[in-house]
Amino acid sequence: VKGRFTISRDNAKNTVYLQMNSLK
């Protein structure tokens, strides 16, 4: 998933995200 997915977090919103692009 390298280069296609991005993990991030917003501790103020108490949420973690996984942006998934170029899905296969």
PDBML (XML) file of the C-alpha atoms, coordinates in Angstrom:
<?xml version="1.0" encoding="UTF-8" ?>
<PDBx:datablock datablockName="MODEL"
   xmlns:PDBx="http://pdbml.pdb.org/schema/pdbx-v50.xsd"
   xmlns:xsi="http://www.w3.org/2001/XMLSchema-instance"
   xsi:schemaLocation="http://pdbml.pdb.org/schema/pdbx-v50.xsd pdbx-v50.xsd">
   <PDBx:atom_siteCategory>
      <PDBx:atom_site id="1">
         <PDBx:B_iso_or_equiv>0.00</PDBx:B_iso_or_equiv>
         <PDBx:Cartn_x>0.000</PDBx:Cartn_x>
         <PDBx:Cartn_y>0.000</PDBx:Cartn_y>
         <PDBx:Cartn_z>0.000</PDBx:Cartn_z>
         <PDBx:auth_asym_id>A</PDBx:auth_asym_id>
         <PDBx:auth_atom_id>CA</PDBx:auth_atom_id>
         <PDBx:auth_comp_id>VAL</PDBx:auth_comp_id>
         <PDBx:auth_seq_id>1</PDBx:auth_seq_id>
         <PDBx:group_PDB>ATOM</PDBx:group_PDB>
         <PDBx:label_alt_id xsi:nil="true" />
         <PDBx:label_asym_id>A</PDBx:label_asym_id>
         <PDBx:label_atom_id>CA</PDBx:label_atom_id>
         <PDBx:label_comp_id>VAL</PDBx:label_comp_id>
         <PDBx:label_entity_id>1</PDBx:label_entity_id>
         <PDBx:label_seq_id>1</PDBx:label_seq_id>
         <PDBx:occupancy>1.00</PDBx:occupancy>
         <PDBx:pdbx_PDB_model_num>1</PDBx:pdbx_PDB_model_num>
         <PDBx:type_symbol>C</PDBx:type_symbol>
      </PDBx:atom_site>
      <PDBx:atom_site id="2">
         <PDBx:B_iso_or_equiv>0.00</PDBx:B_iso_or_equiv>
         <PDBx:Cartn_x>3.020</PDBx:Cartn_x>
         <PDBx:Cartn_y>2.317</PDBx:Cartn_y>
         <PDBx:Cartn_z>0.106</PDBx:Cartn_z>
         <PDBx:auth_asym_id>A</PDBx:auth_asym_id>
         <PDBx:auth_atom_id>CA</PDBx:auth_atom_id>
         <PDBx:auth_comp_id>LYS</PDBx:auth_comp_id>
         <PDBx:auth_seq_id>2</PDBx:auth_seq_id>
         <PDBx:group_PDB>ATOM</PDBx:group_PDB>
         <PDBx:label_alt_id xsi:nil="true" />
         <PDBx:label_asym_id>A</PDBx:label_asym_id>
         <PDBx:label_atom_id>CA</PDBx:label_atom_id>
         <PDBx:label_comp_id>LYS</PDBx:label_comp_id>
         <PDBx:label_entity_id>1</PDBx:label_entity_id>
         <PDBx:label_seq_id>2</PDBx:label_seq_id>
         <PDBx:occupancy>1.00</PDBx:occupancy>
         <PDBx:pdbx_PDB_model_num>1</PDBx:pdbx_PDB_model_num>
         <PDBx:type_symbol>C</PDBx:type_symbol>
      </PDBx:atom_site>
      <PDBx:atom_site id="3">
         <PDBx:B_iso_or_equiv>0.00</PDBx:B_iso_or_equiv>
         <PDBx:Cartn_x>2.486</PDBx:Cartn_x>
         <PDBx:Cartn_y>5.386</PDBx:Cartn_y>
         <PDBx:Cartn_z>-2.023</PDBx:Cartn_z>
         <PDBx:auth_asym_id>A</PDBx:auth_asym_id>
         <PDBx:auth_atom_id>CA</PDBx:auth_atom_id>
         <PDBx:auth_comp_id>GLY</PDBx:auth_comp_id>
         <PDBx:auth_seq_id>3</PDBx:auth_seq_id>
         <PDBx:group_PDB>ATOM</PDBx:group_PDB>
         <PDBx:label_alt_id xsi:nil="true" />
         <PDBx:label_asym_id>A</PDBx:label_asym_id>
         <PDBx:label_atom_id>CA</PDBx:label_atom_id>
         <PDBx:label_comp_id>GLY</PDBx:label_comp_id>
         <PDBx:label_entity_id>1</PDBx:label_entity_id>
         <PDBx:label_seq_id>3</PDBx:label_seq_id>
         <PDBx:occupancy>1.00</PDBx:occupancy>
         <PDBx:pdbx_PDB_model_num>1</PDBx:pdbx_PDB_model_num>
         <PDBx:type_symbol>C</PDBx:type_symbol>
      </PDBx:atom_site>
      <PDBx:atom_site id="4">
         <PDBx:B_iso_or_equiv>0.00</PDBx:B_iso_or_equiv>
         <PDBx:Cartn_x>-1.260</PDBx:Cartn_x>
         <PDBx:Cartn_y>4.759</PDBx:Cartn_y>
         <PDBx:Cartn_z>-2.237</PDBx:Cartn_z>
         <PDBx:auth_asym_id>A</PDBx:auth_asym_id>
         <PDBx:auth_atom_id>CA</PDBx:auth_atom_id>
         <PDBx:auth_comp_id>ARG</PDBx:auth_comp_id>
         <PDBx:auth_seq_id>4</PDBx:auth_seq_id>
         <PDBx:group_PDB>ATOM</PDBx:group_PDB>
         <PDBx:label_alt_id xsi:nil="true" />
         <PDBx:label_asym_id>A</PDBx:label_asym_id>
         <PDBx:label_atom_id>CA</PDBx:label_atom_id>
         <PDBx:label_comp_id>ARG</PDBx:label_comp_id>
         <PDBx:label_entity_id>1</PDBx:label_entity_id>
         <PDBx:label_seq_id>4</PDBx:label_seq_id>
         <PDBx:occupancy>1.00</PDBx:occupancy>
         <PDBx:pdbx_PDB_model_num>1</PDBx:pdbx_PDB_model_num>
         <PDBx:type_symbol>C</PDBx:type_symbol>
      </PDBx:atom_site>
      <PDBx:atom_site id="5">
         <PDBx:B_iso_or_equiv>0.00</PDBx:B_iso_or_equiv>
         <PDBx:Cartn_x>-2.472</PDBx:Cartn_x>
         <PDBx:Cartn_y>4.827</PDBx:Cartn_y>
         <PDBx:Cartn_z>1.369</PDBx:Cartn_z>
         <PDBx:auth_asym_id>A</PDBx:auth_asym_id>
         <PDBx:auth_atom_id>CA</PDBx:auth_atom_id>
         <PDBx:auth_comp_id>PHE</PDBx:auth_comp_id>
         <PDBx:auth_seq_id>5</PDBx:auth_seq_id>
         <PDBx:group_PDB>ATOM</PDBx:group_PDB>
         <PDBx:label_alt_id xsi:nil="true" />
         <PDBx:label_asym_id>A</PDBx:label_asym_id>
         <PDBx:label_atom_id>CA</PDBx:label_atom_id>
         <PDBx:label_comp_id>PHE</PDBx:label_comp_id>
         <PDBx:label_entity_id>1</PDBx:label_entity_id>
         <PDBx:label_seq_id>5</PDBx:label_seq_id>
         <PDBx:occupancy>1.00</PDBx:occupancy>
         <PDBx:pdbx_PDB_model_num>1</PDBx:pdbx_PDB_model_num>
         <PDBx:type_symbol>C</PDBx:type_symbol>
      </PDBx:atom_site>
      <PDBx:atom_site id="6">
         <PDBx:B_iso_or_equiv>0.00</PDBx:B_iso_or_equiv>
         <PDBx:Cartn_x>-1.861</PDBx:Cartn_x>
         <PDBx:Cartn_y>7.494</PDBx:Cartn_y>
         <PDBx:Cartn_z>3.994</PDBx:Cartn_z>
         <PDBx:auth_asym_id>A</PDBx:auth_asym_id>
         <PDBx:auth_atom_id>CA</PDBx:auth_atom_id>
         <PDBx:auth_comp_id>THR</PDBx:auth_comp_id>
         <PDBx:auth_seq_id>6</PDBx:auth_seq_id>
         <PDBx:group_PDB>ATOM</PDBx:group_PDB>
         <PDBx:label_alt_id xsi:nil="true" />
         <PDBx:label_asym_id>A</PDBx:label_asym_id>
         <PDBx:label_atom_id>CA</PDBx:label_atom_id>
         <PDBx:label_comp_id>THR</PDBx:label_comp_id>
         <PDBx:label_entity_id>1</PDBx:label_entity_id>
         <PDBx:label_seq_id>6</PDBx:label_seq_id>
         <PDBx:occupancy>1.00</PDBx:occupancy>
         <PDBx:pdbx_PDB_model_num>1</PDBx:pdbx_PDB_model_num>
         <PDBx:type_symbol>C</PDBx:type_symbol>
      </PDBx:atom_site>
      <PDBx:atom_site id="7">
         <PDBx:B_iso_or_equiv>0.00</PDBx:B_iso_or_equiv>
         <PDBx:Cartn_x>-2.478</PDBx:Cartn_x>
         <PDBx:Cartn_y>7.105</PDBx:Cartn_y>
         <PDBx:Cartn_z>7.704</PDBx:Cartn_z>
         <PDBx:auth_asym_id>A</PDBx:auth_asym_id>
         <PDBx:auth_atom_id>CA</PDBx:auth_atom_id>
         <PDBx:auth_comp_id>ILE</PDBx:auth_comp_id>
         <PDBx:auth_seq_id>7</PDBx:auth_seq_id>
         <PDBx:group_PDB>ATOM</PDBx:group_PDB>
         <PDBx:label_alt_id xsi:nil="true" />
         <PDBx:label_asym_id>A</PDBx:label_asym_id>
         <PDBx:label_atom_id>CA</PDBx:label_atom_id>
         <PDBx:label_comp_id>ILE</PDBx:label_comp_id>
         <PDBx:label_entity_id>1</PDBx:label_entity_id>
         <PDBx:label_seq_id>7</PDBx:label_seq_id>
         <PDBx:occupancy>1.00</PDBx:occupancy>
         <PDBx:pdbx_PDB_model_num>1</PDBx:pdbx_PDB_model_num>
         <PDBx:type_symbol>C</PDBx:type_symbol>
      </PDBx:atom_site>
      <PDBx:atom_site id="8">
         <PDBx:B_iso_or_equiv>0.00</PDBx:B_iso_or_equiv>
         <PDBx:Cartn_x>-3.044</PDBx:Cartn_x>
         <PDBx:Cartn_y>10.187</PDBx:Cartn_y>
         <PDBx:Cartn_z>9.834</PDBx:Cartn_z>
         <PDBx:auth_asym_id>A</PDBx:auth_asym_id>
         <PDBx:auth_atom_id>CA</PDBx:auth_atom_id>
         <PDBx:auth_comp_id>SER</PDBx:auth_comp_id>
         <PDBx:auth_seq_id>8</PDBx:auth_seq_id>
         <PDBx:group_PDB>ATOM</PDBx:group_PDB>
         <PDBx:label_alt_id xsi:nil="true" />
         <PDBx:label_asym_id>A</PDBx:label_asym_id>
         <PDBx:label_atom_id>CA</PDBx:label_atom_id>
         <PDBx:label_comp_id>SER</PDBx:label_comp_id>
         <PDBx:label_entity_id>1</PDBx:label_entity_id>
         <PDBx:label_seq_id>8</PDBx:label_seq_id>
         <PDBx:occupancy>1.00</PDBx:occupancy>
         <PDBx:pdbx_PDB_model_num>1</PDBx:pdbx_PDB_model_num>
         <PDBx:type_symbol>C</PDBx:type_symbol>
      </PDBx:atom_site>
      <PDBx:atom_site id="9">
         <PDBx:B_iso_or_equiv>0.00</PDBx:B_iso_or_equiv>
         <PDBx:Cartn_x>-4.528</PDBx:Cartn_x>
         <PDBx:Cartn_y>11.174</PDBx:Cartn_y>
         <PDBx:Cartn_z>13.140</PDBx:Cartn_z>
         <PDBx:auth_asym_id>A</PDBx:auth_asym_id>
         <PDBx:auth_atom_id>CA</PDBx:auth_atom_id>
         <PDBx:auth_comp_id>ARG</PDBx:auth_comp_id>
         <PDBx:auth_seq_id>9</PDBx:auth_seq_id>
         <PDBx:group_PDB>ATOM</PDBx:group_PDB>
         <PDBx:label_alt_id xsi:nil="true" />
         <PDBx:label_asym_id>A</PDBx:label_asym_id>
         <PDBx:label_atom_id>CA</PDBx:label_atom_id>
         <PDBx:label_comp_id>ARG</PDBx:label_comp_id>
         <PDBx:label_entity_id>1</PDBx:label_entity_id>
         <PDBx:label_seq_id>9</PDBx:label_seq_id>
         <PDBx:occupancy>1.00</PDBx:occupancy>
         <PDBx:pdbx_PDB_model_num>1</PDBx:pdbx_PDB_model_num>
         <PDBx:type_symbol>C</PDBx:type_symbol>
      </PDBx:atom_site>
      <PDBx:atom_site id="10">
         <PDBx:B_iso_or_equiv>0.00</PDBx:B_iso_or_equiv>
         <PDBx:Cartn_x>-6.214</PDBx:Cartn_x>
         <PDBx:Cartn_y>14.191</PDBx:Cartn_y>
         <PDBx:Cartn_z>14.633</PDBx:Cartn_z>
         <PDBx:auth_asym_id>A</PDBx:auth_asym_id>
         <PDBx:auth_atom_id>CA</PDBx:auth_atom_id>
         <PDBx:auth_comp_id>ASP</PDBx:auth_comp_id>
         <PDBx:auth_seq_id>10</PDBx:auth_seq_id>
         <PDBx:group_PDB>ATOM</PDBx:group_PDB>
         <PDBx:label_alt_id xsi:nil="true" />
         <PDBx:label_asym_id>A</PDBx:label_asym_id>
         <PDBx:label_atom_id>CA</PDBx:label_atom_id>
         <PDBx:label_comp_id>ASP</PDBx:label_comp_id>
         <PDBx:label_entity_id>1</PDBx:label_entity_id>
         <PDBx:label_seq_id>10</PDBx:label_seq_id>
         <PDBx:occupancy>1.00</PDBx:occupancy>
         <PDBx:pdbx_PDB_model_num>1</PDBx:pdbx_PDB_model_num>
         <PDBx:type_symbol>C</PDBx:type_symbol>
      </PDBx:atom_site>
      <PDBx:atom_site id="11">
         <PDBx:B_iso_or_equiv>0.00</PDBx:B_iso_or_equiv>
         <PDBx:Cartn_x>-5.935</PDBx:Cartn_x>
         <PDBx:Cartn_y>13.857</PDBx:Cartn_y>
         <PDBx:Cartn_z>18.384</PDBx:Cartn_z>
         <PDBx:auth_asym_id>A</PDBx:auth_asym_id>
         <PDBx:auth_atom_id>CA</PDBx:auth_atom_id>
         <PDBx:auth_comp_id>ASN</PDBx:auth_comp_id>
         <PDBx:auth_seq_id>11</PDBx:auth_seq_id>
         <PDBx:group_PDB>ATOM</PDBx:group_PDB>
         <PDBx:label_alt_id xsi:nil="true" />
         <PDBx:label_asym_id>A</PDBx:label_asym_id>
         <PDBx:label_atom_id>CA</PDBx:label_atom_id>
         <PDBx:label_comp_id>ASN</PDBx:label_comp_id>
         <PDBx:label_entity_id>1</PDBx:label_entity_id>
         <PDBx:label_seq_id>11</PDBx:label_seq_id>
         <PDBx:occupancy>1.00</PDBx:occupancy>
         <PDBx:pdbx_PDB_model_num>1</PDBx:pdbx_PDB_model_num>
         <PDBx:type_symbol>C</PDBx:type_symbol>
      </PDBx:atom_site>
      <PDBx:atom_site id="12">
         <PDBx:B_iso_or_equiv>0.00</PDBx:B_iso_or_equiv>
         <PDBx:Cartn_x>-8.094</PDBx:Cartn_x>
         <PDBx:Cartn_y>16.941</PDBx:Cartn_y>
         <PDBx:Cartn_z>18.884</PDBx:Cartn_z>
         <PDBx:auth_asym_id>A</PDBx:auth_asym_id>
         <PDBx:auth_atom_id>CA</PDBx:auth_atom_id>
         <PDBx:auth_comp_id>ALA</PDBx:auth_comp_id>
         <PDBx:auth_seq_id>12</PDBx:auth_seq_id>
         <PDBx:group_PDB>ATOM</PDBx:group_PDB>
         <PDBx:label_alt_id xsi:nil="true" />
         <PDBx:label_asym_id>A</PDBx:label_asym_id>
         <PDBx:label_atom_id>CA</PDBx:label_atom_id>
         <PDBx:label_comp_id>ALA</PDBx:label_comp_id>
         <PDBx:label_entity_id>1</PDBx:label_entity_id>
         <PDBx:label_seq_id>12</PDBx:label_seq_id>
         <PDBx:occupancy>1.00</PDBx:occupancy>
         <PDBx:pdbx_PDB_model_num>1</PDBx:pdbx_PDB_model_num>
         <PDBx:type_symbol>C</PDBx:type_symbol>
      </PDBx:atom_site>
      <PDBx:atom_site id="13">
         <PDBx:B_iso_or_equiv>0.00</PDBx:B_iso_or_equiv>
         <PDBx:Cartn_x>-10.897</PDBx:Cartn_x>
         <PDBx:Cartn_y>15.082</PDBx:Cartn_y>
         <PDBx:Cartn_z>17.105</PDBx:Cartn_z>
         <PDBx:auth_asym_id>A</PDBx:auth_asym_id>
         <PDBx:auth_atom_id>CA</PDBx:auth_atom_id>
         <PDBx:auth_comp_id>LYS</PDBx:auth_comp_id>
         <PDBx:auth_seq_id>13</PDBx:auth_seq_id>
         <PDBx:group_PDB>ATOM</PDBx:group_PDB>
         <PDBx:label_alt_id xsi:nil="true" />
         <PDBx:label_asym_id>A</PDBx:label_asym_id>
         <PDBx:label_atom_id>CA</PDBx:label_atom_id>
         <PDBx:label_comp_id>LYS</PDBx:label_comp_id>
         <PDBx:label_entity_id>1</PDBx:label_entity_id>
         <PDBx:label_seq_id>13</PDBx:label_seq_id>
         <PDBx:occupancy>1.00</PDBx:occupancy>
         <PDBx:pdbx_PDB_model_num>1</PDBx:pdbx_PDB_model_num>
         <PDBx:type_symbol>C</PDBx:type_symbol>
      </PDBx:atom_site>
      <PDBx:atom_site id="14">
         <PDBx:B_iso_or_equiv>0.00</PDBx:B_iso_or_equiv>
         <PDBx:Cartn_x>-9.884</PDBx:Cartn_x>
         <PDBx:Cartn_y>11.778</PDBx:Cartn_y>
         <PDBx:Cartn_z>18.687</PDBx:Cartn_z>
         <PDBx:auth_asym_id>A</PDBx:auth_asym_id>
         <PDBx:auth_atom_id>CA</PDBx:auth_atom_id>
         <PDBx:auth_comp_id>ASN</PDBx:auth_comp_id>
         <PDBx:auth_seq_id>14</PDBx:auth_seq_id>
         <PDBx:group_PDB>ATOM</PDBx:group_PDB>
         <PDBx:label_alt_id xsi:nil="true" />
         <PDBx:label_asym_id>A</PDBx:label_asym_id>
         <PDBx:label_atom_id>CA</PDBx:label_atom_id>
         <PDBx:label_comp_id>ASN</PDBx:label_comp_id>
         <PDBx:label_entity_id>1</PDBx:label_entity_id>
         <PDBx:label_seq_id>14</PDBx:label_seq_id>
         <PDBx:occupancy>1.00</PDBx:occupancy>
         <PDBx:pdbx_PDB_model_num>1</PDBx:pdbx_PDB_model_num>
         <PDBx:type_symbol>C</PDBx:type_symbol>
      </PDBx:atom_site>
      <PDBx:atom_site id="15">
         <PDBx:B_iso_or_equiv>0.00</PDBx:B_iso_or_equiv>
         <PDBx:Cartn_x>-9.881</PDBx:Cartn_x>
         <PDBx:Cartn_y>10.135</PDBx:Cartn_y>
         <PDBx:Cartn_z>15.279</PDBx:Cartn_z>
         <PDBx:auth_asym_id>A</PDBx:auth_asym_id>
         <PDBx:auth_atom_id>CA</PDBx:auth_atom_id>
         <PDBx:auth_comp_id>THR</PDBx:auth_comp_id>
         <PDBx:auth_seq_id>15</PDBx:auth_seq_id>
         <PDBx:group_PDB>ATOM</PDBx:group_PDB>
         <PDBx:label_alt_id xsi:nil="true" />
         <PDBx:label_asym_id>A</PDBx:label_asym_id>
         <PDBx:label_atom_id>CA</PDBx:label_atom_id>
         <PDBx:label_comp_id>THR</PDBx:label_comp_id>
         <PDBx:label_entity_id>1</PDBx:label_entity_id>
         <PDBx:label_seq_id>15</PDBx:label_seq_id>
         <PDBx:occupancy>1.00</PDBx:occupancy>
         <PDBx:pdbx_PDB_model_num>1</PDBx:pdbx_PDB_model_num>
         <PDBx:type_symbol>C</PDBx:type_symbol>
      </PDBx:atom_site>
      <PDBx:atom_site id="16">
         <PDBx:B_iso_or_equiv>0.00</PDBx:B_iso_or_equiv>
         <PDBx:Cartn_x>-7.455</PDBx:Cartn_x>
         <PDBx:Cartn_y>8.241</PDBx:Cartn_y>
         <PDBx:Cartn_z>13.077</PDBx:Cartn_z>
         <PDBx:auth_asym_id>A</PDBx:auth_asym_id>
         <PDBx:auth_atom_id>CA</PDBx:auth_atom_id>
         <PDBx:auth_comp_id>VAL</PDBx:auth_comp_id>
         <PDBx:auth_seq_id>16</PDBx:auth_seq_id>
         <PDBx:group_PDB>ATOM</PDBx:group_PDB>
         <PDBx:label_alt_id xsi:nil="true" />
         <PDBx:label_asym_id>A</PDBx:label_asym_id>
         <PDBx:label_atom_id>CA</PDBx:label_atom_id>
         <PDBx:label_comp_id>VAL</PDBx:label_comp_id>
         <PDBx:label_entity_id>1</PDBx:label_entity_id>
         <PDBx:label_seq_id>16</PDBx:label_seq_id>
         <PDBx:occupancy>1.00</PDBx:occupancy>
         <PDBx:pdbx_PDB_model_num>1</PDBx:pdbx_PDB_model_num>
         <PDBx:type_symbol>C</PDBx:type_symbol>
      </PDBx:atom_site>
      <PDBx:atom_site id="17">
         <PDBx:B_iso_or_equiv>0.00</PDBx:B_iso_or_equiv>
         <PDBx:Cartn_x>-7.828</PDBx:Cartn_x>
         <PDBx:Cartn_y>8.136</PDBx:Cartn_y>
         <PDBx:Cartn_z>9.316</PDBx:Cartn_z>
         <PDBx:auth_asym_id>A</PDBx:auth_asym_id>
         <PDBx:auth_atom_id>CA</PDBx:auth_atom_id>
         <PDBx:auth_comp_id>TYR</PDBx:auth_comp_id>
         <PDBx:auth_seq_id>17</PDBx:auth_seq_id>
         <PDBx:group_PDB>ATOM</PDBx:group_PDB>
         <PDBx:label_alt_id xsi:nil="true" />
         <PDBx:label_asym_id>A</PDBx:label_asym_id>
         <PDBx:label_atom_id>CA</PDBx:label_atom_id>
         <PDBx:label_comp_id>TYR</PDBx:label_comp_id>
         <PDBx:label_entity_id>1</PDBx:label_entity_id>
         <PDBx:label_seq_id>17</PDBx:label_seq_id>
         <PDBx:occupancy>1.00</PDBx:occupancy>
         <PDBx:pdbx_PDB_model_num>1</PDBx:pdbx_PDB_model_num>
         <PDBx:type_symbol>C</PDBx:type_symbol>
      </PDBx:atom_site>
      <PDBx:atom_site id="18">
         <PDBx:B_iso_or_equiv>0.00</PDBx:B_iso_or_equiv>
         <PDBx:Cartn_x>-6.723</PDBx:Cartn_x>
         <PDBx:Cartn_y>5.951</PDBx:Cartn_y>
         <PDBx:Cartn_z>6.455</PDBx:Cartn_z>
         <PDBx:auth_asym_id>A</PDBx:auth_asym_id>
         <PDBx:auth_atom_id>CA</PDBx:auth_atom_id>
         <PDBx:auth_comp_id>LEU</PDBx:auth_comp_id>
         <PDBx:auth_seq_id>18</PDBx:auth_seq_id>
         <PDBx:group_PDB>ATOM</PDBx:group_PDB>
         <PDBx:label_alt_id xsi:nil="true" />
         <PDBx:label_asym_id>A</PDBx:label_asym_id>
         <PDBx:label_atom_id>CA</PDBx:label_atom_id>
         <PDBx:label_comp_id>LEU</PDBx:label_comp_id>
         <PDBx:label_entity_id>1</PDBx:label_entity_id>
         <PDBx:label_seq_id>18</PDBx:label_seq_id>
         <PDBx:occupancy>1.00</PDBx:occupancy>
         <PDBx:pdbx_PDB_model_num>1</PDBx:pdbx_PDB_model_num>
         <PDBx:type_symbol>C</PDBx:type_symbol>
      </PDBx:atom_site>
      <PDBx:atom_site id="19">
         <PDBx:B_iso_or_equiv>0.00</PDBx:B_iso_or_equiv>
         <PDBx:Cartn_x>-6.831</PDBx:Cartn_x>
         <PDBx:Cartn_y>7.665</PDBx:Cartn_y>
         <PDBx:Cartn_z>3.082</PDBx:Cartn_z>
         <PDBx:auth_asym_id>A</PDBx:auth_asym_id>
         <PDBx:auth_atom_id>CA</PDBx:auth_atom_id>
         <PDBx:auth_comp_id>GLN</PDBx:auth_comp_id>
         <PDBx:auth_seq_id>19</PDBx:auth_seq_id>
         <PDBx:group_PDB>ATOM</PDBx:group_PDB>
         <PDBx:label_alt_id xsi:nil="true" />
         <PDBx:label_asym_id>A</PDBx:label_asym_id>
         <PDBx:label_atom_id>CA</PDBx:label_atom_id>
         <PDBx:label_comp_id>GLN</PDBx:label_comp_id>
         <PDBx:label_entity_id>1</PDBx:label_entity_id>
         <PDBx:label_seq_id>19</PDBx:label_seq_id>
         <PDBx:occupancy>1.00</PDBx:occupancy>
         <PDBx:pdbx_PDB_model_num>1</PDBx:pdbx_PDB_model_num>
         <PDBx:type_symbol>C</PDBx:type_symbol>
      </PDBx:atom_site>
      <PDBx:atom_site id="20">
         <PDBx:B_iso_or_equiv>0.00</PDBx:B_iso_or_equiv>
         <PDBx:Cartn_x>-6.821</PDBx:Cartn_x>
         <PDBx:Cartn_y>5.031</PDBx:Cartn_y>
         <PDBx:Cartn_z>0.364</PDBx:Cartn_z>
         <PDBx:auth_asym_id>A</PDBx:auth_asym_id>
         <PDBx:auth_atom_id>CA</PDBx:auth_atom_id>
         <PDBx:auth_comp_id>MET</PDBx:auth_comp_id>
         <PDBx:auth_seq_id>20</PDBx:auth_seq_id>
         <PDBx:group_PDB>ATOM</PDBx:group_PDB>
         <PDBx:label_alt_id xsi:nil="true" />
         <PDBx:label_asym_id>A</PDBx:label_asym_id>
         <PDBx:label_atom_id>CA</PDBx:label_atom_id>
         <PDBx:label_comp_id>MET</PDBx:label_comp_id>
         <PDBx:label_entity_id>1</PDBx:label_entity_id>
         <PDBx:label_seq_id>20</PDBx:label_seq_id>
         <PDBx:occupancy>1.00</PDBx:occupancy>
         <PDBx:pdbx_PDB_model_num>1</PDBx:pdbx_PDB_model_num>
         <PDBx:type_symbol>C</PDBx:type_symbol>
      </PDBx:atom_site>
      <PDBx:atom_site id="21">
         <PDBx:B_iso_or_equiv>0.00</PDBx:B_iso_or_equiv>
         <PDBx:Cartn_x>-6.116</PDBx:Cartn_x>
         <PDBx:Cartn_y>6.089</PDBx:Cartn_y>
         <PDBx:Cartn_z>-3.204</PDBx:Cartn_z>
         <PDBx:auth_asym_id>A</PDBx:auth_asym_id>
         <PDBx:auth_atom_id>CA</PDBx:auth_atom_id>
         <PDBx:auth_comp_id>ASN</PDBx:auth_comp_id>
         <PDBx:auth_seq_id>21</PDBx:auth_seq_id>
         <PDBx:group_PDB>ATOM</PDBx:group_PDB>
         <PDBx:label_alt_id xsi:nil="true" />
         <PDBx:label_asym_id>A</PDBx:label_asym_id>
         <PDBx:label_atom_id>CA</PDBx:label_atom_id>
         <PDBx:label_comp_id>ASN</PDBx:label_comp_id>
         <PDBx:label_entity_id>1</PDBx:label_entity_id>
         <PDBx:label_seq_id>21</PDBx:label_seq_id>
         <PDBx:occupancy>1.00</PDBx:occupancy>
         <PDBx:pdbx_PDB_model_num>1</PDBx:pdbx_PDB_model_num>
         <PDBx:type_symbol>C</PDBx:type_symbol>
      </PDBx:atom_site>
      <PDBx:atom_site id="22">
         <PDBx:B_iso_or_equiv>0.00</PDBx:B_iso_or_equiv>
         <PDBx:Cartn_x>-5.583</PDBx:Cartn_x>
         <PDBx:Cartn_y>4.159</PDBx:Cartn_y>
         <PDBx:Cartn_z>-6.442</PDBx:Cartn_z>
         <PDBx:auth_asym_id>A</PDBx:auth_asym_id>
         <PDBx:auth_atom_id>CA</PDBx:auth_atom_id>
         <PDBx:auth_comp_id>SER</PDBx:auth_comp_id>
         <PDBx:auth_seq_id>22</PDBx:auth_seq_id>
         <PDBx:group_PDB>ATOM</PDBx:group_PDB>
         <PDBx:label_alt_id xsi:nil="true" />
         <PDBx:label_asym_id>A</PDBx:label_asym_id>
         <PDBx:label_atom_id>CA</PDBx:label_atom_id>
         <PDBx:label_comp_id>SER</PDBx:label_comp_id>
         <PDBx:label_entity_id>1</PDBx:label_entity_id>
         <PDBx:label_seq_id>22</PDBx:label_seq_id>
         <PDBx:occupancy>1.00</PDBx:occupancy>
         <PDBx:pdbx_PDB_model_num>1</PDBx:pdbx_PDB_model_num>
         <PDBx:type_symbol>C</PDBx:type_symbol>
      </PDBx:atom_site>
      <PDBx:atom_site id="23">
         <PDBx:B_iso_or_equiv>0.00</PDBx:B_iso_or_equiv>
         <PDBx:Cartn_x>-7.504</PDBx:Cartn_x>
         <PDBx:Cartn_y>1.250</PDBx:Cartn_y>
         <PDBx:Cartn_z>-5.002</PDBx:Cartn_z>
         <PDBx:auth_asym_id>A</PDBx:auth_asym_id>
         <PDBx:auth_atom_id>CA</PDBx:auth_atom_id>
         <PDBx:auth_comp_id>LEU</PDBx:auth_comp_id>
         <PDBx:auth_seq_id>23</PDBx:auth_seq_id>
         <PDBx:group_PDB>ATOM</PDBx:group_PDB>
         <PDBx:label_alt_id xsi:nil="true" />
         <PDBx:label_asym_id>A</PDBx:label_asym_id>
         <PDBx:label_atom_id>CA</PDBx:label_atom_id>
         <PDBx:label_comp_id>LEU</PDBx:label_comp_id>
         <PDBx:label_entity_id>1</PDBx:label_entity_id>
         <PDBx:label_seq_id>23</PDBx:label_seq_id>
         <PDBx:occupancy>1.00</PDBx:occupancy>
         <PDBx:pdbx_PDB_model_num>1</PDBx:pdbx_PDB_model_num>
         <PDBx:type_symbol>C</PDBx:type_symbol>
      </PDBx:atom_site>
      <PDBx:atom_site id="24">
         <PDBx:B_iso_or_equiv>0.00</PDBx:B_iso_or_equiv>
         <PDBx:Cartn_x>-7.051</PDBx:Cartn_x>
         <PDBx:Cartn_y>-2.169</PDBx:Cartn_y>
         <PDBx:Cartn_z>-6.552</PDBx:Cartn_z>
         <PDBx:auth_asym_id>A</PDBx:auth_asym_id>
         <PDBx:auth_atom_id>CA</PDBx:auth_atom_id>
         <PDBx:auth_comp_id>LYS</PDBx:auth_comp_id>
         <PDBx:auth_seq_id>24</PDBx:auth_seq_id>
         <PDBx:group_PDB>ATOM</PDBx:group_PDB>
         <PDBx:label_alt_id xsi:nil="true" />
         <PDBx:label_asym_id>A</PDBx:label_asym_id>
         <PDBx:label_atom_id>CA</PDBx:label_atom_id>
         <PDBx:label_comp_id>LYS</PDBx:label_comp_id>
         <PDBx:label_entity_id>1</PDBx:label_entity_id>
         <PDBx:label_seq_id>24</PDBx:label_seq_id>
         <PDBx:occupancy>1.00</PDBx:occupancy>
         <PDBx:pdbx_PDB_model_num>1</PDBx:pdbx_PDB_model_num>
         <PDBx:type_symbol>C</PDBx:type_symbol>
      </PDBx:atom_site>
   </PDBx:atom_siteCategory>
</PDBx:datablock>
